[in-house]
Amino acid sequence: MKKILLILAAVFLVTGLSACKGVQEENKESPPISEKPNDNPKQTDGQNEDPPGESVDDPAKDRPNTKTDTIILEGMEEAFQFTLHHSQALGFSTYIVDDMIVEEASSGEGDAMIVFANFAGKRNEDAKVQIFSKSEGANATIEEQAEFAREVVISNDFEIKQRSDNSPNRFDWSEVEFDISQKGSNYSILGTVSVFQHGDRVYYAIVQYPEDYEEGFIPRVVKMFDDIVWYEAT
């Protein structure tokens, strides 16, 4: 179990904090660097992938490849271009704003979609959201997935922040949720872990970002989740 956990932590969580990435990174003290999502990830840079099957009756598949839509940033609506992304392994499609990059990674344990901020054409691996689910047929319960997510973030040097018992969830879709943080001498990374279920599969999403990215990054993540349409069961 420990070996599997370490492999998954490297595959699905922190892909390295480089001194040349992020905000105020010139003098940033980097925490330990782990591996990339995998050696040959599918990187779409927002480009559409072929959805599974050819049925146009499935609303998740029969969607325009691009759209223009708005996101509210700092109280103001701003228009953005979006590109449809199909996550065949995770079972849904959604729109990704064009200043973010999406990759897919899979192992024998499960599947993940990782979306990085790419503001002004600069990819920031500290600002990302990762959605993970065990392979179909080997799923976990909500409680098991939440505990596994806790072990993953702790193994990557994140601390779990305590919430009061009556604190509301940050994301509407969460069934279990907790906050995380990681601090160095010249940087602070915040985040939230959300565990949720669709059908028979249980997922976790790890949302992390530099502290000063919050107002720009979180609305993009919420929009991505709002635009999810699940594939119909076959």
Foldseek 3Di string as FASTA:
>chain_A
DVVVLVVCLLQFHQQWADLVADPPSVPDDTDDHGHYNDPDWAKQLQFEDQAPDDDCVWVQRVDDQKDWDWFQFPNDTDIFIWGWYHPNQVFKIFTATNQKIWIKHADQFWIKIKIFGQPPNGTHSQFIKMKIWGGPPPGDDLVVVVVSVVSSVVVVVKDWDDDDPPDDDPAPQAPDKTKIWHDDPRWIKIWMKGWHDDDPIIMIMIGIDTPVCVSPRVRSVNNRVVGIDGTDDD
